Amino acid sequence: MLDVVGVNVGFDAAPPRDAIVLLADFQRWLRQHDDEFLLDGRFADIERARREGKLAVFFNIEGGNARGIPNHRIRARIYPDAKLFLPIA
């Protein structure tokens, strides 16, 4: 059984706003279907999804060069709990 899936919502050569809009749409949809899916913010959410028979879903942005906006600012907008991520070197 599949426990977790990552969804790419953008890449570094595209405008960051595109990814943020897409991410908001995905998050809204997942919350409307929370009987089957769990929005994954940390490793413990994968374990929780497994226990509850749900699919954990996380998001990513491909690449490391988000045009004109430092990566830590994008993370803070997409993931309010930005402490879940390792700092960018």
PDB file of N, CA and C in Angstrom:
ATOM      1  N   MET A   1       0.844  -1.188   0.000  1.00  0.00           N
ATOM      2  CA  MET A   1       0.000   0.000   0.000  1.00  0.00           C
ATOM      3  C   MET A   1       0.884   1.245   0.000  1.00  0.00           C
ATOM      4  N   LEU A   2       0.523   2.218  -0.779  1.00  0.00           N
ATOM      5  CA  LEU A   2       1.247   3.480  -0.859  1.00  0.00           C
ATOM      6  C   LEU A   2       0.878   4.347   0.341  1.00  0.00           C
ATOM      7  N   ASP A   3       1.894   4.869   1.049  1.00  0.00           N
ATOM      8  CA  ASP A   3       1.656   5.665   2.257  1.00  0.00           C
ATOM      9  C   ASP A   3       1.775   7.164   2.035  1.00  0.00           C
ATOM     10  N   VAL A   4       2.657   7.556   1.101  1.00  0.00           N
ATOM     11  CA  VAL A   4       2.952   8.979   0.929  1.00  0.00           C
ATOM     12  C   VAL A   4       3.264   9.265  -0.535  1.00  0.00           C
ATOM     13  N   VAL A   5       2.875  10.451  -0.971  1.00  0.00           N
ATOM     14  CA  VAL A   5       3.175  10.880  -2.332  1.00  0.00           C
ATOM     15  C   VAL A   5       3.595  12.345  -2.287  1.00  0.00           C
ATOM     16  N   GLY A   6       4.588  12.691  -3.100  1.00  0.00           N
ATOM     17  CA  GLY A   6       5.030  14.073  -3.228  1.00  0.00           C
ATOM     18  C   GLY A   6       4.505  14.659  -4.526  1.00  0.00           C
ATOM     19  N   VAL A   7       3.990  15.872  -4.442  1.00  0.00           N
ATOM     20  CA  VAL A   7       3.435  16.539  -5.609  1.00  0.00           C
ATOM     21  C   VAL A   7       4.275  17.781  -5.912  1.00  0.00           C
ATOM     22  N   ASN A   8       4.812  17.837  -7.105  1.00  0.00           N
ATOM     23  CA  ASN A   8       5.602  18.973  -7.529  1.00  0.00           C
ATOM     24  C   ASN A   8       4.648  20.078  -7.971  1.00  0.00           C
ATOM     25  N   VAL A   9       4.741  21.244  -7.325  1.00  0.00           N
ATOM     26  CA  VAL A   9       3.827  22.341  -7.653  1.00  0.00           C
ATOM     27  C   VAL A   9       4.494  23.457  -8.453  1.00  0.00           C
ATOM     28  N   GLY A  10       5.749  23.275  -8.799  1.00  0.00           N
ATOM     29  CA  GLY A  10       6.425  24.301  -9.574  1.00  0.00           C
ATOM     30  C   GLY A  10       7.893  23.991  -9.724  1.00  0.00           C
ATOM     31  N   PHE A  11       8.580  24.892 -10.401  1.00  0.00           N
ATOM     32  CA  PHE A  11      10.025  24.760 -10.547  1.00  0.00           C
ATOM     33  C   PHE A  11      10.641  26.145 -10.556  1.00  0.00           C
ATOM     34  N   ASP A  12      11.928  26.189 -10.315  1.00  0.00           N
ATOM     35  CA  ASP A  12      12.592  27.464 -10.058  1.00  0.00           C
ATOM     36  C   ASP A  12      12.590  28.436 -11.238  1.00  0.00           C
ATOM     37  N   ALA A  13      12.369  27.967 -12.457  1.00  0.00           N
ATOM     38  CA  ALA A  13      12.364  28.873 -13.602  1.00  0.00           C
ATOM     39  C   ALA A  13      10.991  29.514 -13.850  1.00  0.00           C
ATOM     40  N   ALA A  14       9.984  29.058 -13.134  1.00  0.00           N
ATOM     41  CA  ALA A  14       8.632  29.612 -13.281  1.00  0.00           C
ATOM     42  C   ALA A  14       8.389  30.657 -12.193  1.00  0.00           C
ATOM     43  N   PRO A  15       7.482  31.572 -12.415  1.00  0.00           N
ATOM     44  CA  PRO A  15       7.190  32.575 -11.384  1.00  0.00           C
ATOM     45  C   PRO A  15       6.687  31.902 -10.098  1.00  0.00           C
ATOM     46  N   PRO A  16       7.226  32.289  -8.938  1.00  0.00           N
ATOM     47  CA  PRO A  16       6.812  31.679  -7.666  1.00  0.00           C
ATOM     48  C   PRO A  16       5.308  31.765  -7.432  1.00  0.00           C
ATOM     49  N   ARG A  17       4.686  32.835  -7.898  1.00  0.00           N
ATOM     50  CA  ARG A  17       3.240  32.985  -7.683  1.00  0.00           C
ATOM     51  C   ARG A  17       2.455  31.824  -8.289  1.00  0.00           C
ATOM     52  N   ASP A  18       2.903  31.293  -9.419  1.00  0.00           N
ATOM     53  CA  ASP A  18       2.226  30.158 -10.048  1.00  0.00           C
ATOM     54  C   ASP A  18       2.180  28.963  -9.105  1.00  0.00           C
ATOM     55  N   ALA A  19       3.315  28.683  -8.476  1.00  0.00           N
ATOM     56  CA  ALA A  19       3.390  27.549  -7.543  1.00  0.00           C
ATOM     57  C   ALA A  19       2.516  27.790  -6.320  1.00  0.00           C
ATOM     58  N   ILE A  20       2.502  29.005  -5.822  1.00  0.00           N
ATOM     59  CA  ILE A  20       1.721  29.313  -4.624  1.00  0.00           C
ATOM     60  C   ILE A  20       0.227  29.166  -4.902  1.00  0.00           C
ATOM     61  N   VAL A  21      -0.213  29.620  -6.064  1.00  0.00           N
ATOM     62  CA  VAL A  21      -1.629  29.479  -6.438  1.00  0.00           C
ATOM     63  C   VAL A  21      -1.991  27.996  -6.591  1.00  0.00           C
ATOM     64  N   LEU A  22      -1.155  27.240  -7.275  1.00  0.00           N
ATOM     65  CA  LEU A  22      -1.406  25.813  -7.458  1.00  0.00           C
ATOM     66  C   LEU A  22      -1.424  25.099  -6.111  1.00  0.00           C
ATOM     67  N   LEU A  23      -0.483  25.441  -5.264  1.00  0.00           N
ATOM     68  CA  LEU A  23      -0.419  24.837  -3.937  1.00  0.00           C
ATOM     69  C   LEU A  23      -1.687  25.112  -3.139  1.00  0.00           C
ATOM     70  N   ALA A  24      -2.166  26.331  -3.179  1.00  0.00           N
ATOM     71  CA  ALA A  24      -3.396  26.675  -2.454  1.00  0.00           C
ATOM     72  C   ALA A  24      -4.572  25.839  -2.961  1.00  0.00           C
ATOM     73  N   ASP A  25      -4.654  25.647  -4.265  1.00  0.00           N
ATOM     74  CA  ASP A  25      -5.726  24.824  -4.832  1.00  0.00           C
ATOM     75  C   ASP A  25      -5.626  23.376  -4.352  1.00  0.00           C
ATOM     76  N   PHE A  26      -4.414  22.820  -4.390  1.00  0.00           N
ATOM     77  CA  PHE A  26      -4.216  21.452  -3.917  1.00  0.00           C
ATOM     78  C   PHE A  26      -4.566  21.323  -2.437  1.00  0.00           C
ATOM     79  N   GLN A  27      -4.106  22.265  -1.630  1.00  0.00           N
ATOM     80  CA  GLN A  27      -4.379  22.205  -0.193  1.00  0.00           C
ATOM     81  C   GLN A  27      -5.886  22.254   0.069  1.00  0.00           C
ATOM     82  N   ARG A  28      -6.578  23.117  -0.617  1.00  0.00           N
ATOM     83  CA  ARG A  28      -8.032  23.220  -0.460  1.00  0.00           C
ATOM     84  C   ARG A  28      -8.695  21.892  -0.807  1.00  0.00           C
ATOM     85  N   TRP A  29      -8.301  21.307  -1.925  1.00  0.00           N
ATOM     86  CA  TRP A  29      -8.883  20.037  -2.356  1.00  0.00           C
ATOM     87  C   TRP A  29      -8.599  18.934  -1.331  1.00  0.00           C
ATOM     88  N   LEU A  30      -7.373  18.859  -0.842  1.00  0.00           N
ATOM     89  CA  LEU A  30      -7.019  17.830   0.137  1.00  0.00           C
ATOM     90  C   LEU A  30      -7.833  17.976   1.423  1.00  0.00           C
ATOM     91  N   ARG A  31      -8.055  19.196   1.840  1.00  0.00           N
ATOM     92  CA  ARG A  31      -8.853  19.412   3.058  1.00  0.00           C
ATOM     93  C   ARG A  31     -10.311  19.001   2.844  1.00  0.00           C
ATOM     94  N   GLN A  32     -10.793  19.134   1.631  1.00  0.00           N
ATOM     95  CA  GLN A  32     -12.159  18.712   1.326  1.00  0.00           C
ATOM     96  C   GLN A  32     -12.283  17.189   1.229  1.00  0.00           C
ATOM     97  N   HIS A  33     -11.158  16.514   1.113  1.00  0.00           N
ATOM     98  CA  HIS A  33     -11.138  15.051   0.991  1.00  0.00           C
ATOM     99  C   HIS A  33     -10.299  14.431   2.113  1.00  0.00           C
ATOM    100  N   ASP A  34     -10.432  14.983   3.302  1.00  0.00           N
ATOM    101  CA  ASP A  34      -9.595  14.538   4.418  1.00  0.00           C
ATOM    102  C   ASP A  34      -9.969  13.150   4.941  1.00  0.00           C
ATOM    103  N   ASP A  35     -11.007  12.550   4.387  1.00  0.00           N
ATOM    104  CA  ASP A  35     -11.314  11.169   4.750  1.00  0.00           C
ATOM    105  C   ASP A  35     -10.364  10.186   4.055  1.00  0.00           C
ATOM    106  N   GLU A  36      -9.690  10.644   2.991  1.00  0.00           N
ATOM    107  CA  GLU A  36      -8.769   9.787   2.243  1.00  0.00           C
ATOM    108  C   GLU A  36      -7.320  10.270   2.264  1.00  0.00           C
ATOM    109  N   PHE A  37      -7.113  11.579   2.497  1.00  0.00           N
ATOM    110  CA  PHE A  37      -5.787  12.169   2.377  1.00  0.00           C
ATOM    111  C   PHE A  37      -5.423  12.946   3.632  1.00  0.00           C
ATOM    112  N   LEU A  38      -4.129  13.028   3.885  1.00  0.00           N
ATOM    113  CA  LEU A  38      -3.617  13.814   5.007  1.00  0.00           C
ATOM    114  C   LEU A  38      -2.505  14.716   4.479  1.00  0.00           C
ATOM    115  N   LEU A  39      -2.649  16.005   4.698  1.00  0.00           N
ATOM    116  CA  LEU A  39      -1.626  16.953   4.283  1.00  0.00           C
ATOM    117  C   LEU A  39      -0.410  16.759   5.175  1.00  0.00           C
ATOM    118  N   ASP A  40       0.703  16.405   4.568  1.00  0.00           N
ATOM    119  CA  ASP A  40       1.915  16.016   5.286  1.00  0.00           C
ATOM    120  C   ASP A  40       2.804  17.224   5.534  1.00  0.00           C
ATOM    121  N   GLY A  41       3.091  17.479   6.803  1.00  0.00           N
ATOM    122  CA  GLY A  41       3.997  18.561   7.151  1.00  0.00           C
ATOM    123  C   GLY A  41       5.248  18.072   7.847  1.00  0.00           C
ATOM    124  N   ARG A  42       5.230  16.833   8.294  1.00  0.00           N
ATOM    125  CA  ARG A  42       6.392  16.261   8.994  1.00  0.00           C
ATOM    126  C   ARG A  42       6.292  14.745   8.940  1.00  0.00           C
ATOM    127  N   PHE A  43       7.387  14.099   9.295  1.00  0.00           N
ATOM    128  CA  PHE A  43       7.457  12.644   9.197  1.00  0.00           C
ATOM    129  C   PHE A  43       6.343  11.970   9.997  1.00  0.00           C
ATOM    130  N   ALA A  44       6.010  12.496  11.146  1.00  0.00           N
ATOM    131  CA  ALA A  44       4.963  11.899  11.984  1.00  0.00           C
ATOM    132  C   ALA A  44       3.623  11.846  11.252  1.00  0.00           C
ATOM    133  N   ASP A  45       3.392  12.754  10.316  1.00  0.00           N
ATOM    134  CA  ASP A  45       2.140  12.742   9.552  1.00  0.00           C
ATOM    135  C   ASP A  45       2.053  11.526   8.636  1.00  0.00           C
ATOM    136  N   ILE A  46       3.188  11.054   8.158  1.00  0.00           N
ATOM    137  CA  ILE A  46       3.194   9.843   7.328  1.00  0.00           C
ATOM    138  C   ILE A  46       2.762   8.654   8.176  1.00  0.00           C
ATOM    139  N   GLU A  47       3.308   8.558   9.367  1.00  0.00           N
ATOM    140  CA  GLU A  47       2.922   7.484  10.284  1.00  0.00           C
ATOM    141  C   GLU A  47       1.435   7.580  10.630  1.00  0.00           C
ATOM    142  N   ARG A  48       0.965   8.790  10.880  1.00  0.00           N
ATOM    143  CA  ARG A  48      -0.452   8.994  11.196  1.00  0.00           C
ATOM    144  C   ARG A  48      -1.345   8.565  10.030  1.00  0.00           C
ATOM    145  N   ALA A  49      -0.964   8.964   8.806  1.00  0.00           N
ATOM    146  CA  ALA A  49      -1.737   8.577   7.627  1.00  0.00           C
ATOM    147  C   ALA A  49      -1.785   7.056   7.502  1.00  0.00           C
ATOM    148  N   ARG A  50      -0.678   6.403   7.737  1.00  0.00           N
ATOM    149  CA  ARG A  50      -0.624   4.941   7.658  1.00  0.00           C
ATOM    150  C   ARG A  50      -1.597   4.320   8.667  1.00  0.00           C
ATOM    151  N   ARG A  51      -1.574   4.821   9.899  1.00  0.00           N
ATOM    152  CA  ARG A  51      -2.475   4.296  10.941  1.00  0.00           C
ATOM    153  C   ARG A  51      -3.949   4.505  10.580  1.00  0.00           C
ATOM    154  N   GLU A  52      -4.243   5.646   9.949  1.00  0.00           N
ATOM    155  CA  GLU A  52      -5.628   5.994   9.623  1.00  0.00           C
ATOM    156  C   GLU A  52      -6.069   5.494   8.246  1.00  0.00           C
ATOM    157  N   GLY A  53      -5.180   4.789   7.543  1.00  0.00           N
ATOM    158  CA  GLY A  53      -5.528   4.271   6.225  1.00  0.00           C
ATOM    159  C   GLY A  53      -5.673   5.353   5.165  1.00  0.00           C
ATOM    160  N   LYS A  54      -4.904   6.431   5.317  1.00  0.00           N
ATOM    161  CA  LYS A  54      -4.969   7.553   4.380  1.00  0.00           C
ATOM    162  C   LYS A  54      -3.657   7.666   3.608  1.00  0.00           C
ATOM    163  N   LEU A  55      -3.673   8.485   2.588  1.00  0.00           N
ATOM    164  CA  LEU A  55      -2.470   8.784   1.824  1.00  0.00           C
ATOM    165  C   LEU A  55      -1.937  10.140   2.273  1.00  0.00           C
ATOM    166  N   ALA A  56      -0.695  10.174   2.737  1.00  0.00           N
ATOM    167  CA  ALA A  56      -0.057  11.435   3.114  1.00  0.00           C
ATOM    168  C   ALA A  56       0.448  12.119   1.839  1.00  0.00           C
ATOM    169  N   VAL A  57       0.252  13.429   1.755  1.00  0.00           N
ATOM    170  CA  VAL A  57       0.643  14.188   0.569  1.00  0.00           C
ATOM    171  C   VAL A  57       1.514  15.354   1.000  1.00  0.00           C
ATOM    172  N   PHE A  58       2.684  15.490   0.353  1.00  0.00           N
ATOM    173  CA  PHE A  58       3.525  16.661   0.585  1.00  0.00           C
ATOM    174  C   PHE A  58       3.795  17.332  -0.748  1.00  0.00           C
ATOM    175  N   PHE A  59       4.269  18.566  -0.687  1.00  0.00           N
ATOM    176  CA  PHE A  59       4.524  19.346  -1.892  1.00  0.00           C
ATOM    177  C   PHE A  59       5.991  19.734  -1.977  1.00  0.00           C
ATOM    178  N   ASN A  60       6.437  19.931  -3.202  1.00  0.00           N
ATOM    179  CA  ASN A  60       7.791  20.441  -3.380  1.00  0.00           C
ATOM    180  C   ASN A  60       7.834  21.384  -4.573  1.00  0.00           C
ATOM    181  N   ILE A  61       8.892  22.180  -4.585  1.00  0.00           N
ATOM    182  CA  ILE A  61       9.199  23.034  -5.730  1.00  0.00           C
ATOM    183  C   ILE A  61      10.538  22.554  -6.251  1.00  0.00           C
ATOM    184  N   GLU A  62      10.578  22.176  -7.501  1.00  0.00           N
ATOM    185  CA  GLU A  62      11.788  21.636  -8.102  1.00  0.00           C
ATOM    186  C   GLU A  62      12.807  22.741  -8.340  1.00  0.00           C
ATOM    187  N   GLY A  63      14.040  22.437  -8.074  1.00  0.00           N
ATOM    188  CA  GLY A  63      15.126  23.387  -8.304  1.00  0.00           C
ATOM    189  C   GLY A  63      15.409  24.218  -7.069  1.00  0.00           C
ATOM    190  N   GLY A  64      16.498  24.915  -7.077  1.00  0.00           N
ATOM    191  CA  GLY A  64      16.890  25.671  -5.902  1.00  0.00           C
ATOM    192  C   GLY A  64      17.030  27.152  -6.128  1.00  0.00           C
ATOM    193  N   ASN A  65      16.521  27.632  -7.211  1.00  0.00           N
ATOM    194  CA  ASN A  65      16.728  29.019  -7.580  1.00  0.00           C
ATOM    195  C   ASN A  65      15.395  29.706  -7.856  1.00  0.00           C
ATOM    196  N   ALA A  66      14.652  30.030  -6.835  1.00  0.00           N
ATOM    197  CA  ALA A  66      13.334  30.646  -7.032  1.00  0.00           C
ATOM    198  C   ALA A  66      13.520  32.109  -7.404  1.00  0.00           C
ATOM    199  N   ARG A  67      13.362  32.402  -8.634  1.00  0.00           N
ATOM    200  CA  ARG A  67      13.676  33.692  -9.254  1.00  0.00           C
ATOM    201  C   ARG A  67      13.303  34.914  -8.427  1.00  0.00           C
ATOM    202  N   GLY A  68      14.321  35.502  -7.833  1.00  0.00           N
ATOM    203  CA  GLY A  68      14.144  36.780  -7.179  1.00  0.00           C
ATOM    204  C   GLY A  68      13.606  36.730  -5.758  1.00  0.00           C
ATOM    205  N   ILE A  69      13.187  35.588  -5.280  1.00  0.00           N
ATOM    206  CA  ILE A  69      12.689  35.490  -3.910  1.00  0.00           C
ATOM    207  C   ILE A  69      13.526  34.436  -3.189  1.00  0.00           C
ATOM    208  N   PRO A  70      14.156  34.815  -2.085  1.00  0.00           N
ATOM    209  CA  PRO A  70      14.963  33.826  -1.354  1.00  0.00           C
ATOM    210  C   PRO A  70      14.121  32.610  -0.972  1.00  0.00           C
ATOM    211  N   ASN A  71      14.713  31.433  -1.082  1.00  0.00           N
ATOM    212  CA  ASN A  71      13.997  30.191  -0.810  1.00  0.00           C
ATOM    213  C   ASN A  71      13.335  30.172   0.557  1.00  0.00           C
ATOM    214  N   HIS A  72      13.980  30.738   1.572  1.00  0.00           N
ATOM    215  CA  HIS A  72      13.383  30.687   2.908  1.00  0.00           C
ATOM    216  C   HIS A  72      12.080  31.483   2.963  1.00  0.00           C
ATOM    217  N   ARG A  73      11.930  32.513   2.149  1.00  0.00           N
ATOM    218  CA  ARG A  73      10.675  33.280   2.132  1.00  0.00           C
ATOM    219  C   ARG A  73       9.569  32.476   1.453  1.00  0.00           C
ATOM    220  N   ILE A  74       9.903  31.738   0.411  1.00  0.00           N
ATOM    221  CA  ILE A  74       8.903  30.897  -0.244  1.00  0.00           C
ATOM    222  C   ILE A  74       8.454  29.804   0.713  1.00  0.00           C
ATOM    223  N   ARG A  75       9.388  29.183   1.388  1.00  0.00           N
ATOM    224  CA  ARG A  75       9.028  28.146   2.348  1.00  0.00           C
ATOM    225  C   ARG A  75       8.099  28.688   3.413  1.00  0.00           C
ATOM    226  N   ALA A  76       8.381  29.872   3.888  1.00  0.00           N
ATOM    227  CA  ALA A  76       7.546  30.448   4.946  1.00  0.00           C
ATOM    228  C   ALA A  76       6.128  30.705   4.429  1.00  0.00           C
ATOM    229  N   ARG A  77       5.987  31.052   3.170  1.00  0.00           N
ATOM    230  CA  ARG A  77       4.652  31.296   2.613  1.00  0.00           C
ATOM    231  C   ARG A  77       3.905  29.987   2.365  1.00  0.00           C
ATOM    232  N   ILE A  78       4.609  28.994   1.871  1.00  0.00           N
ATOM    233  CA  ILE A  78       3.968  27.729   1.538  1.00  0.00           C
ATOM    234  C   ILE A  78       3.719  26.903   2.792  1.00  0.00           C
ATOM    235  N   TYR A  79       4.705  26.842   3.638  1.00  0.00           N
ATOM    236  CA  TYR A  79       4.637  26.042   4.855  1.00  0.00           C
ATOM    237  C   TYR A  79       4.788  26.964   6.045  1.00  0.00           C
ATOM    238  N   PRO A  80       3.687  27.372   6.670  1.00  0.00           N
ATOM    239  CA  PRO A  80       3.786  28.306   7.806  1.00  0.00           C
ATOM    240  C   PRO A  80       4.709  27.780   8.909  1.00  0.00           C
ATOM    241  N   ASP A  81       4.803  26.465   9.045  1.00  0.00           N
ATOM    242  CA  ASP A  81       5.661  25.892  10.071  1.00  0.00           C
ATOM    243  C   ASP A  81       7.042  25.621   9.457  1.00  0.00           C
ATOM    244  N   ALA A  82       7.718  26.688   9.039  1.00  0.00           N
ATOM    245  CA  ALA A  82       8.968  26.557   8.280  1.00  0.00           C
ATOM    246  C   ALA A  82      10.072  25.864   9.069  1.00  0.00           C
ATOM    247  N   LYS A  83       9.952  25.742  10.360  1.00  0.00           N
ATOM    248  CA  LYS A  83      10.985  25.079  11.154  1.00  0.00           C
ATOM    249  C   LYS A  83      11.086  23.590  10.812  1.00  0.00           C
ATOM    250  N   LEU A  84      10.140  23.081  10.039  1.00  0.00           N
ATOM    251  CA  LEU A  84      10.184  21.681   9.639  1.00  0.00           C
ATOM    252  C   LEU A  84      11.279  21.408   8.632  1.00  0.00           C
ATOM    253  N   PHE A  85      11.875  22.450   8.074  1.00  0.00           N
ATOM    254  CA  PHE A  85      12.846  22.289   7.012  1.00  0.00           C
ATOM    255  C   PHE A  85      14.242  22.650   7.463  1.00  0.00           C
ATOM    256  N   LEU A  86      15.201  21.988   6.874  1.00  0.00           N
ATOM    257  CA  LEU A  86      16.594  22.312   7.148  1.00  0.00           C
ATOM    258  C   LEU A  86      16.936  23.643   6.487  1.00  0.00           C
ATOM    259  N   PRO A  87      17.798  24.438   7.108  1.00  0.00           N
ATOM    260  CA  PRO A  87      18.178  25.709   6.489  1.00  0.00           C
ATOM    261  C   PRO A  87      18.949  25.472   5.178  1.00  0.00           C
ATOM    262  N   ILE A  88      18.826  26.412   4.292  1.00  0.00           N
ATOM    263  CA  ILE A  88      19.539  26.315   3.009  1.00  0.00           C
ATOM    264  C   ILE A  88      20.952  26.826   3.211  1.00  0.00           C
ATOM    265  N   ALA A  89      21.905  26.046   2.762  1.00  0.00           N
ATOM    266  CA  ALA A  89      23.316  26.425   2.905  1.00  0.00           C
ATOM    267  C   ALA A  89      23.702  27.398   1.817  1.00  0.00           C
TER     268      ALA A  89
END
